[in-house]
Amino acid sequence: MKKLTLSLLILFLHLECFCWGFYGHKKINNYAVFLLPPQMLVLYKTNIGFITDHAVDPDMRRYAIAQEGPRHYIDIDQYGKYPFDALPRKWNDALNKFSEDSLQQHGIVPWWVQTMLYRLTVAFKEKNQVKILKLSAEIGHYIADAHVPLHANSNHNGQYTNQQGIHGFWESRIPELLADKEWDFFIGKADYLNDPGNFIWQRVLESAAAADTVLRYEKELSEQFPADQKFSFENRNGVTRQYSSAFTRAYDLKLKGMVERRMRMAIYSVASFWYTAWVNAGEPDLAKLSNKEFSADDLKEFENLGNSWKNNKINGREHDE
């Protein structure tokens, strides 16, 4: 029984370290809806529950599909120094310079976002409501991941600097503690992206530039903070040992609001990609869509994703442990 309890605890801790955490991803998709114009709100606000809840589907898919993992990150520091000019920004150019195996090994998130944008644009053109909702929820996840500094660095969980756990700390613990009551998400409105590829690469470069600060500041604060006060026992979904509220707030203050800024930018970016796909599809009337009901296969897919996540049946590289 003790071994089973320990295994379940380890499993839970592992599951909770994914990108932005389930909490963060849902918040980002949810807030992004309110940046859309009225012509899109007729669909998105009506289905905000689905778009919010299914923001986490790509993370759950990592437990079922081996190819899923690299879509969430890019270890761009493996390609030299900032701004990493050795890595071509266009996929075919990158393929010609590096093998696909190498690109997949180091992550493909900026390219995958563009693939998802194309698919969402096609769904709008087809006026297929089910596809629009599914793809909107999922592209929101990948875009949000590109805004996380440790998703653009090979030391993604401080594993090379004895800072294991920093990934979930930055993207899950801080937002969960501060976002609802202390952060401002009045952002404005979505914009049309004239060059979505360049836009997402800029977000990745911002993340990459911030990664060293994320790691360095946590190490500096740990050296200054009383060791017995860094962690605390607070109730969080049944797991009680985590970074203390005091340490979390001190770290957020030291970062000068970085996590809030990246979350705000993620929300703006998600809404702007949705809006861009709709405009590029010819601004179809979203009150007059076909295929509004999820099929039995769709519902089975959602069920299988949930079961795979619960059963921890992951394939491929686990980037955020």
Foldseek 3Di string as FASTA:
>chain_A
DVVVVVVVLVLVLLLQLDFLGLVLQLVLQLLLLVQEDPLCVVQCVVCSVLLSNLLCLLVLCLLPDAQSVLQLAAQLVVQPDPVSPSADLDPVVNCVVDPPVVRSVRHDNLVVLVVLLVQLLVCLLQLASVSNSNSLSHSLNSLLSLQALLRHHQCNQVPVPPRHPLSSLLSPVLCVVAVPPHADQPQHHADADPCSSVVSSVSNSVSPVCNVVSVVLLVVLCVVDPVVQQWFQPDDPNGGTDGHPVNSVVSCVVVVNSSSVSSSVSSRSSSNSSVNSCVSSVNDRNVDGPNNDDDPVRVVSVVVSVVSSVVSNGHHDSRRD
